[in-house]
């Protein structure tokens, strides 16, 4: 699984078009859940809009196993490659 996950992470870098902000947040959240696990960091302040959006996206994945997050990440990347490559 880890090899496929790393390969998917590399594929994202080769997209020729930019995914939407929501798609980027989903990628970020699944990647963090798959590599780090549950979000245990403090929520960013109100003025850090980007940090807050990333924190909230990752926090929505709470409770999902690393394996499940990695599987979802791989499938999500494949969808993005089909859409944006």
PDB file of N, CA and C in Angstrom:
ATOM      1  N   UNK A   1       0.832  -1.197   0.000  1.00  0.00           N
ATOM      2  CA  UNK A   1       0.000   0.000   0.000  1.00  0.00           C
ATOM      3  C   UNK A   1       0.869   1.251   0.000  1.00  0.00           C
ATOM      4  N   UNK A   2       1.920   1.247   0.773  1.00  0.00           N
ATOM      5  CA  UNK A   2       2.771   2.430   0.896  1.00  0.00           C
ATOM      6  C   UNK A   2       3.390   2.830  -0.445  1.00  0.00           C
ATOM      7  N   UNK A   3       3.785   1.844  -1.249  1.00  0.00           N
ATOM      8  CA  UNK A   3       4.361   2.160  -2.555  1.00  0.00           C
ATOM      9  C   UNK A   3       3.342   2.843  -3.453  1.00  0.00           C
ATOM     10  N   UNK A   4       2.112   2.328  -3.463  1.00  0.00           N
ATOM     11  CA  UNK A   4       1.048   2.932  -4.266  1.00  0.00           C
ATOM     12  C   UNK A   4       0.747   4.344  -3.778  1.00  0.00           C
ATOM     13  N   UNK A   5       0.751   4.517  -2.461  1.00  0.00           N
ATOM     14  CA  UNK A   5       0.472   5.821  -1.854  1.00  0.00           C
ATOM     15  C   UNK A   5       1.542   6.826  -2.274  1.00  0.00           C
ATOM     16  N   UNK A   6       2.796   6.434  -2.186  1.00  0.00           N
ATOM     17  CA  UNK A   6       3.893   7.323  -2.582  1.00  0.00           C
ATOM     18  C   UNK A   6       3.853   7.624  -4.077  1.00  0.00           C
ATOM     19  N   UNK A   7       3.495   6.620  -4.877  1.00  0.00           N
ATOM     20  CA  UNK A   7       3.384   6.829  -6.323  1.00  0.00           C
ATOM     21  C   UNK A   7       2.265   7.820  -6.626  1.00  0.00           C
ATOM     22  N   UNK A   8       1.159   7.716  -5.890  1.00  0.00           N
ATOM     23  CA  UNK A   8       0.040   8.642  -6.081  1.00  0.00           C
ATOM     24  C   UNK A   8       0.465  10.060  -5.697  1.00  0.00           C
ATOM     25  N   UNK A   9       1.230  10.186  -4.618  1.00  0.00           N
ATOM     26  CA  UNK A   9       1.708  11.504  -4.191  1.00  0.00           C
ATOM     27  C   UNK A   9       2.600  12.129  -5.263  1.00  0.00           C
ATOM     28  N   UNK A  10       3.371  11.314  -5.968  1.00  0.00           N
ATOM     29  CA  UNK A  10       4.211  11.809  -7.054  1.00  0.00           C
ATOM     30  C   UNK A  10       3.371  12.193  -8.277  1.00  0.00           C
ATOM     31  N   UNK A  11       2.326  11.413  -8.544  1.00  0.00           N
ATOM     32  CA  UNK A  11       1.455  11.693  -9.687  1.00  0.00           C
ATOM     33  C   UNK A  11       0.811  13.066  -9.572  1.00  0.00           C
ATOM     34  N   UNK A  12       0.464  13.453  -8.351  1.00  0.00           N
ATOM     35  CA  UNK A  12      -0.195  14.744  -8.133  1.00  0.00           C
ATOM     36  C   UNK A  12       0.685  15.881  -8.652  1.00  0.00           C
ATOM     37  N   UNK A  13       1.984  15.736  -8.484  1.00  0.00           N
ATOM     38  CA  UNK A  13       2.919  16.782  -8.900  1.00  0.00           C
ATOM     39  C   UNK A  13       2.990  16.927 -10.417  1.00  0.00           C
ATOM     40  N   UNK A  14       2.519  15.917 -11.150  1.00  0.00           N
ATOM     41  CA  UNK A  14       2.628  15.957 -12.601  1.00  0.00           C
ATOM     42  C   UNK A  14       1.337  16.402 -13.296  1.00  0.00           C
ATOM     43  N   UNK A  15       0.343  16.832 -12.539  1.00  0.00           N
ATOM     44  CA  UNK A  15      -0.899  17.296 -13.153  1.00  0.00           C
ATOM     45  C   UNK A  15      -0.616  18.540 -14.002  1.00  0.00           C
ATOM     46  N   UNK A  16      -1.236  18.609 -15.173  1.00  0.00           N
ATOM     47  CA  UNK A  16      -0.991  19.738 -16.065  1.00  0.00           C
ATOM     48  C   UNK A  16      -1.930  20.906 -15.790  1.00  0.00           C
ATOM     49  N   UNK A  17      -3.056  20.641 -15.130  1.00  0.00           N
ATOM     50  CA  UNK A  17      -3.990  21.709 -14.756  1.00  0.00           C
ATOM     51  C   UNK A  17      -4.145  21.711 -13.248  1.00  0.00           C
ATOM     52  N   UNK A  18      -4.491  22.874 -12.716  1.00  0.00           N
ATOM     53  CA  UNK A  18      -4.610  23.030 -11.263  1.00  0.00           C
ATOM     54  C   UNK A  18      -5.969  22.545 -10.773  1.00  0.00           C
ATOM     55  N   UNK A  19      -5.983  21.597  -9.814  1.00  0.00           N
ATOM     56  CA  UNK A  19      -7.259  21.184  -9.215  1.00  0.00           C
ATOM     57  C   UNK A  19      -7.904  22.343  -8.449  1.00  0.00           C
ATOM     58  N   UNK A  20      -9.176  22.205  -8.149  1.00  0.00           N
ATOM     59  CA  UNK A  20      -9.883  23.241  -7.399  1.00  0.00           C
ATOM     60  C   UNK A  20      -9.373  23.292  -5.962  1.00  0.00           C
ATOM     61  N   UNK A  21      -9.687  24.375  -5.268  1.00  0.00           N
ATOM     62  CA  UNK A  21      -9.283  24.511  -3.869  1.00  0.00           C
ATOM     63  C   UNK A  21      -9.862  23.382  -3.022  1.00  0.00           C
ATOM     64  N   UNK A  22     -11.116  23.014  -3.280  1.00  0.00           N
ATOM     65  CA  UNK A  22     -11.738  21.923  -2.522  1.00  0.00           C
ATOM     66  C   UNK A  22     -11.022  20.603  -2.765  1.00  0.00           C
ATOM     67  N   UNK A  23     -10.602  20.384  -3.997  1.00  0.00           N
ATOM     68  CA  UNK A  23      -9.864  19.159  -4.314  1.00  0.00           C
ATOM     69  C   UNK A  23      -8.501  19.157  -3.627  1.00  0.00           C
ATOM     70  N   UNK A  24      -7.849  20.316  -3.595  1.00  0.00           N
ATOM     71  CA  UNK A  24      -6.573  20.416  -2.882  1.00  0.00           C
ATOM     72  C   UNK A  24      -6.751  20.124  -1.390  1.00  0.00           C
ATOM     73  N   UNK A  25      -7.810  20.657  -0.801  1.00  0.00           N
ATOM     74  CA  UNK A  25      -8.061  20.413   0.626  1.00  0.00           C
ATOM     75  C   UNK A  25      -8.305  18.932   0.889  1.00  0.00           C
ATOM     76  N   UNK A  26      -9.045  18.286   0.008  1.00  0.00           N
ATOM     77  CA  UNK A  26      -9.302  16.850   0.155  1.00  0.00           C
ATOM     78  C   UNK A  26      -8.004  16.062   0.046  1.00  0.00           C
ATOM     79  N   UNK A  27      -7.161  16.420  -0.930  1.00  0.00           N
ATOM     80  CA  UNK A  27      -5.856  15.769  -1.076  1.00  0.00           C
ATOM     81  C   UNK A  27      -5.025  15.940   0.191  1.00  0.00           C
ATOM     82  N   UNK A  28      -4.975  17.170   0.675  1.00  0.00           N
ATOM     83  CA  UNK A  28      -4.193  17.474   1.879  1.00  0.00           C
ATOM     84  C   UNK A  28      -4.685  16.652   3.067  1.00  0.00           C
ATOM     85  N   UNK A  29      -6.006  16.653   3.270  1.00  0.00           N
ATOM     86  CA  UNK A  29      -6.582  15.973   4.430  1.00  0.00           C
ATOM     87  C   UNK A  29      -6.325  14.471   4.376  1.00  0.00           C
ATOM     88  N   UNK A  30      -6.525  13.865   3.222  1.00  0.00           N
ATOM     89  CA  UNK A  30      -6.292  12.423   3.101  1.00  0.00           C
ATOM     90  C   UNK A  30      -4.811  12.093   3.241  1.00  0.00           C
ATOM     91  N   UNK A  31      -3.942  12.953   2.695  1.00  0.00           N
ATOM     92  CA  UNK A  31      -2.506  12.724   2.827  1.00  0.00           C
ATOM     93  C   UNK A  31      -2.084  12.783   4.296  1.00  0.00           C
ATOM     94  N   UNK A  32      -2.525  13.819   4.985  1.00  0.00           N
ATOM     95  CA  UNK A  32      -2.151  13.970   6.398  1.00  0.00           C
ATOM     96  C   UNK A  32      -2.706  12.816   7.242  1.00  0.00           C
ATOM     97  N   UNK A  33      -3.960  12.428   6.994  1.00  0.00           N
ATOM     98  CA  UNK A  33      -4.553  11.329   7.749  1.00  0.00           C
ATOM     99  C   UNK A  33      -3.821  10.029   7.452  1.00  0.00           C
ATOM    100  N   UNK A  34      -3.423   9.855   6.197  1.00  0.00           N
ATOM    101  CA  UNK A  34      -2.717   8.637   5.809  1.00  0.00           C
ATOM    102  C   UNK A  34      -1.295   8.553   6.315  1.00  0.00           C
ATOM    103  N   UNK A  35      -0.663   9.695   6.559  1.00  0.00           N
ATOM    104  CA  UNK A  35       0.731   9.692   6.997  1.00  0.00           C
ATOM    105  C   UNK A  35       0.899   9.980   8.486  1.00  0.00           C
ATOM    106  N   UNK A  36       0.069  10.881   9.028  1.00  0.00           N
ATOM    107  CA  UNK A  36       0.227  11.302  10.422  1.00  0.00           C
ATOM    108  C   UNK A  36      -0.832  10.673  11.334  1.00  0.00           C
ATOM    109  N   UNK A  37      -2.040  10.521  10.814  1.00  0.00           N
ATOM    110  CA  UNK A  37      -3.146  10.032  11.638  1.00  0.00           C
ATOM    111  C   UNK A  37      -4.042  11.196  12.035  1.00  0.00           C
ATOM    112  N   UNK A  38      -4.771  11.021  13.133  1.00  0.00           N
ATOM    113  CA  UNK A  38      -5.717  12.050  13.570  1.00  0.00           C
ATOM    114  C   UNK A  38      -5.030  13.376  13.858  1.00  0.00           C
ATOM    115  N   UNK A  39      -5.748  14.448  13.551  1.00  0.00           N
ATOM    116  CA  UNK A  39      -5.269  15.803  13.786  1.00  0.00           C
ATOM    117  C   UNK A  39      -5.301  16.097  15.289  1.00  0.00           C
ATOM    118  N   UNK A  40      -4.139  16.341  15.869  1.00  0.00           N
ATOM    119  CA  UNK A  40      -4.065  16.670  17.292  1.00  0.00           C
ATOM    120  C   UNK A  40      -3.470  18.061  17.500  1.00  0.00           C
ATOM    121  N   UNK A  41      -3.319  18.821  16.409  1.00  0.00           N
ATOM    122  CA  UNK A  41      -2.735  20.149  16.499  1.00  0.00           C
ATOM    123  C   UNK A  41      -3.795  21.168  16.925  1.00  0.00           C
ATOM    124  N   UNK A  42      -3.332  22.305  17.429  1.00  0.00           N
ATOM    125  CA  UNK A  42      -4.253  23.373  17.828  1.00  0.00           C
ATOM    126  C   UNK A  42      -4.834  24.029  16.575  1.00  0.00           C
ATOM    127  N   UNK A  43      -6.090  24.444  16.666  1.00  0.00           N
ATOM    128  CA  UNK A  43      -6.750  25.093  15.537  1.00  0.00           C
ATOM    129  C   UNK A  43      -6.128  26.473  15.311  1.00  0.00           C
ATOM    130  N   UNK A  44      -5.784  26.786  14.048  1.00  0.00           N
ATOM    131  CA  UNK A  44      -5.200  28.094  13.752  1.00  0.00           C
ATOM    132  C   UNK A  44      -6.168  29.239  14.087  1.00  0.00           C
ATOM    133  N   UNK A  45      -5.612  30.418  14.249  1.00  0.00           N
ATOM    134  CA  UNK A  45      -6.413  31.595  14.583  1.00  0.00           C
ATOM    135  C   UNK A  45      -7.297  32.043  13.430  1.00  0.00           C
ATOM    136  N   UNK A  46      -8.190  32.960  13.721  1.00  0.00           N
ATOM    137  CA  UNK A  46      -9.158  33.445  12.745  1.00  0.00           C
ATOM    138  C   UNK A  46      -8.516  34.107  11.539  1.00  0.00           C
ATOM    139  N   UNK A  47      -7.369  34.734  11.714  1.00  0.00           N
ATOM    140  CA  UNK A  47      -6.735  35.449  10.617  1.00  0.00           C
ATOM    141  C   UNK A  47      -5.970  34.530   9.666  1.00  0.00           C
ATOM    142  N   UNK A  48      -5.717  33.303  10.084  1.00  0.00           N
ATOM    143  CA  UNK A  48      -5.012  32.332   9.240  1.00  0.00           C
ATOM    144  C   UNK A  48      -6.053  31.509   8.469  1.00  0.00           C
ATOM    145  N   UNK A  49      -6.615  32.110   7.425  1.00  0.00           N
ATOM    146  CA  UNK A  49      -7.705  31.464   6.696  1.00  0.00           C
ATOM    147  C   UNK A  49      -7.275  30.176   6.006  1.00  0.00           C
ATOM    148  N   UNK A  50      -6.094  30.198   5.394  1.00  0.00           N
ATOM    149  CA  UNK A  50      -5.597  29.008   4.708  1.00  0.00           C
ATOM    150  C   UNK A  50      -5.315  27.887   5.707  1.00  0.00           C
ATOM    151  N   UNK A  51      -4.632  28.227   6.780  1.00  0.00           N
ATOM    152  CA  UNK A  51      -4.318  27.238   7.810  1.00  0.00           C
ATOM    153  C   UNK A  51      -5.567  26.662   8.445  1.00  0.00           C
ATOM    154  N   UNK A  52      -6.550  27.517   8.663  1.00  0.00           N
ATOM    155  CA  UNK A  52      -7.804  27.078   9.266  1.00  0.00           C
ATOM    156  C   UNK A  52      -8.546  26.117   8.340  1.00  0.00           C
ATOM    157  N   UNK A  53      -8.583  26.421   7.042  1.00  0.00           N
ATOM    158  CA  UNK A  53      -9.256  25.556   6.069  1.00  0.00           C
ATOM    159  C   UNK A  53      -8.575  24.182   6.008  1.00  0.00           C
ATOM    160  N   UNK A  54      -7.242  24.182   6.006  1.00  0.00           N
ATOM    161  CA  UNK A  54      -6.499  22.924   5.981  1.00  0.00           C
ATOM    162  C   UNK A  54      -6.733  22.132   7.263  1.00  0.00           C
ATOM    163  N   UNK A  55      -6.734  22.817   8.405  1.00  0.00           N
ATOM    164  CA  UNK A  55      -6.950  22.156   9.691  1.00  0.00           C
ATOM    165  C   UNK A  55      -8.331  21.507   9.727  1.00  0.00           C
ATOM    166  N   UNK A  56      -9.349  22.257   9.291  1.00  0.00           N
ATOM    167  CA  UNK A  56     -10.719  21.739   9.316  1.00  0.00           C
ATOM    168  C   UNK A  56     -10.887  20.551   8.369  1.00  0.00           C
ATOM    169  N   UNK A  57     -10.272  20.619   7.192  1.00  0.00           N
ATOM    170  CA  UNK A  57     -10.360  19.506   6.242  1.00  0.00           C
ATOM    171  C   UNK A  57      -9.735  18.245   6.839  1.00  0.00           C
ATOM    172  N   UNK A  58      -8.568  18.396   7.452  1.00  0.00           N
ATOM    173  CA  UNK A  58      -7.899  17.251   8.069  1.00  0.00           C
ATOM    174  C   UNK A  58      -8.714  16.737   9.249  1.00  0.00           C
ATOM    175  N   UNK A  59      -9.261  17.631  10.040  1.00  0.00           N
ATOM    176  CA  UNK A  59     -10.015  17.235  11.228  1.00  0.00           C
ATOM    177  C   UNK A  59     -11.255  16.418  10.857  1.00  0.00           C
ATOM    178  N   UNK A  60     -11.817  16.657   9.673  1.00  0.00           N
ATOM    179  CA  UNK A  60     -12.991  15.891   9.223  1.00  0.00           C
ATOM    180  C   UNK A  60     -12.655  14.420   8.989  1.00  0.00           C
ATOM    181  N   UNK A  61     -11.392  14.122   8.825  1.00  0.00           N
ATOM    182  CA  UNK A  61     -10.950  12.738   8.585  1.00  0.00           C
ATOM    183  C   UNK A  61     -10.712  11.976   9.894  1.00  0.00           C
ATOM    184  N   UNK A  62     -10.882  12.639  11.028  1.00  0.00           N
ATOM    185  CA  UNK A  62     -10.582  12.049  12.335  1.00  0.00           C
ATOM    186  C   UNK A  62     -11.270  10.701  12.507  1.00  0.00           C
ATOM    187  N   UNK A  63     -10.521   9.739  12.998  1.00  0.00           N
ATOM    188  CA  UNK A  63     -11.055   8.412  13.255  1.00  0.00           C
ATOM    189  C   UNK A  63     -10.842   7.438  12.102  1.00  0.00           C
ATOM    190  N   UNK A  64     -10.474   7.948  10.947  1.00  0.00           N
ATOM    191  CA  UNK A  64     -10.225   7.096   9.777  1.00  0.00           C
ATOM    192  C   UNK A  64      -8.830   6.494   9.920  1.00  0.00           C
ATOM    193  N   UNK A  65      -8.711   5.216   9.652  1.00  0.00           N
ATOM    194  CA  UNK A  65      -7.402   4.570   9.756  1.00  0.00           C
ATOM    195  C   UNK A  65      -6.469   5.077   8.667  1.00  0.00           C
ATOM    196  N   UNK A  66      -5.180   4.946   8.912  1.00  0.00           N
ATOM    197  CA  UNK A  66      -4.184   5.362   7.919  1.00  0.00           C
ATOM    198  C   UNK A  66      -4.368   4.591   6.620  1.00  0.00           C
ATOM    199  N   UNK A  67      -4.649   3.294   6.734  1.00  0.00           N
ATOM    200  CA  UNK A  67      -4.826   2.465   5.541  1.00  0.00           C
ATOM    201  C   UNK A  67      -6.020   2.938   4.722  1.00  0.00           C
ATOM    202  N   UNK A  68      -7.136   3.231   5.401  1.00  0.00           N
ATOM    203  CA  UNK A  68      -8.338   3.691   4.695  1.00  0.00           C
ATOM    204  C   UNK A  68      -8.075   5.043   4.026  1.00  0.00           C
ATOM    205  N   UNK A  69      -7.387   5.934   4.729  1.00  0.00           N
ATOM    206  CA  UNK A  69      -7.079   7.251   4.168  1.00  0.00           C
ATOM    207  C   UNK A  69      -6.155   7.116   2.959  1.00  0.00           C
ATOM    208  N   UNK A  70      -5.183   6.224   3.045  1.00  0.00           N
ATOM    209  CA  UNK A  70      -4.269   6.025   1.921  1.00  0.00           C
ATOM    210  C   UNK A  70      -5.008   5.446   0.717  1.00  0.00           C
ATOM    211  N   UNK A  71      -5.913   4.506   0.957  1.00  0.00           N
ATOM    212  CA  UNK A  71      -6.701   3.923  -0.127  1.00  0.00           C
ATOM    213  C   UNK A  71      -7.559   4.992  -0.797  1.00  0.00           C
ATOM    214  N   UNK A  72      -8.218   5.840   0.004  1.00  0.00           N
ATOM    215  CA  UNK A  72      -9.034   6.920  -0.545  1.00  0.00           C
ATOM    216  C   UNK A  72      -8.174   7.922  -1.310  1.00  0.00           C
ATOM    217  N   UNK A  73      -6.991   8.218  -0.770  1.00  0.00           N
ATOM    218  CA  UNK A  73      -6.074   9.160  -1.422  1.00  0.00           C
ATOM    219  C   UNK A  73      -5.685   8.646  -2.807  1.00  0.00           C
ATOM    220  N   UNK A  74      -5.323   7.370  -2.887  1.00  0.00           N
ATOM    221  CA  UNK A  74      -4.920   6.775  -4.164  1.00  0.00           C
ATOM    222  C   UNK A  74      -6.063   6.881  -5.175  1.00  0.00           C
ATOM    223  N   UNK A  75      -7.275   6.536  -4.750  1.00  0.00           N
ATOM    224  CA  UNK A  75      -8.433   6.601  -5.647  1.00  0.00           C
ATOM    225  C   UNK A  75      -8.722   8.041  -6.063  1.00  0.00           C
ATOM    226  N   UNK A  76      -8.585   8.970  -5.125  1.00  0.00           N
ATOM    227  CA  UNK A  76      -8.846  10.384  -5.415  1.00  0.00           C
ATOM    228  C   UNK A  76      -7.832  10.921  -6.422  1.00  0.00           C
ATOM    229  N   UNK A  77      -6.572  10.552  -6.244  1.00  0.00           N
ATOM    230  CA  UNK A  77      -5.520  10.978  -7.168  1.00  0.00           C
ATOM    231  C   UNK A  77      -5.792  10.413  -8.563  1.00  0.00           C
ATOM    232  N   UNK A  78      -6.205   9.157  -8.649  1.00  0.00           N
ATOM    233  CA  UNK A  78      -6.499   8.565  -9.956  1.00  0.00           C
ATOM    234  C   UNK A  78      -7.607   9.359 -10.654  1.00  0.00           C
ATOM    235  N   UNK A  79      -8.604   9.780  -9.894  1.00  0.00           N
ATOM    236  CA  UNK A  79      -9.676  10.606 -10.458  1.00  0.00           C
ATOM    237  C   UNK A  79      -9.158  11.948 -10.952  1.00  0.00           C
ATOM    238  N   UNK A  80      -8.262  12.565 -10.180  1.00  0.00           N
ATOM    239  CA  UNK A  80      -7.684  13.842 -10.578  1.00  0.00           C
ATOM    240  C   UNK A  80      -6.808  13.697 -11.822  1.00  0.00           C
ATOM    241  N   UNK A  81      -6.055  12.602 -11.893  1.00  0.00           N
ATOM    242  CA  UNK A  81      -5.202  12.371 -13.057  1.00  0.00           C
ATOM    243  C   UNK A  81      -6.075  12.243 -14.307  1.00  0.00           C
ATOM    244  N   UNK A  82      -7.180  11.524 -14.184  1.00  0.00           N
ATOM    245  CA  UNK A  82      -8.082  11.357 -15.329  1.00  0.00           C
ATOM    246  C   UNK A  82      -8.696  12.694 -15.731  1.00  0.00           C
ATOM    247  N   UNK A  83      -8.911  13.560 -14.745  1.00  0.00           N
ATOM    248  CA  UNK A  83      -9.566  14.851 -14.985  1.00  0.00           C
ATOM    249  C   UNK A  83      -8.594  15.934 -15.455  1.00  0.00           C
ATOM    250  N   UNK A  84      -7.385  15.949 -14.910  1.00  0.00           N
ATOM    251  CA  UNK A  84      -6.467  17.072 -15.130  1.00  0.00           C
ATOM    252  C   UNK A  84      -5.168  16.746 -15.866  1.00  0.00           C
ATOM    253  N   UNK A  85      -4.894  15.496 -16.139  1.00  0.00           N
ATOM    254  CA  UNK A  85      -3.592  15.168 -16.762  1.00  0.00           C
ATOM    255  C   UNK A  85      -3.569  15.458 -18.242  1.00  0.00           C
TER     256      UNK A  85
END
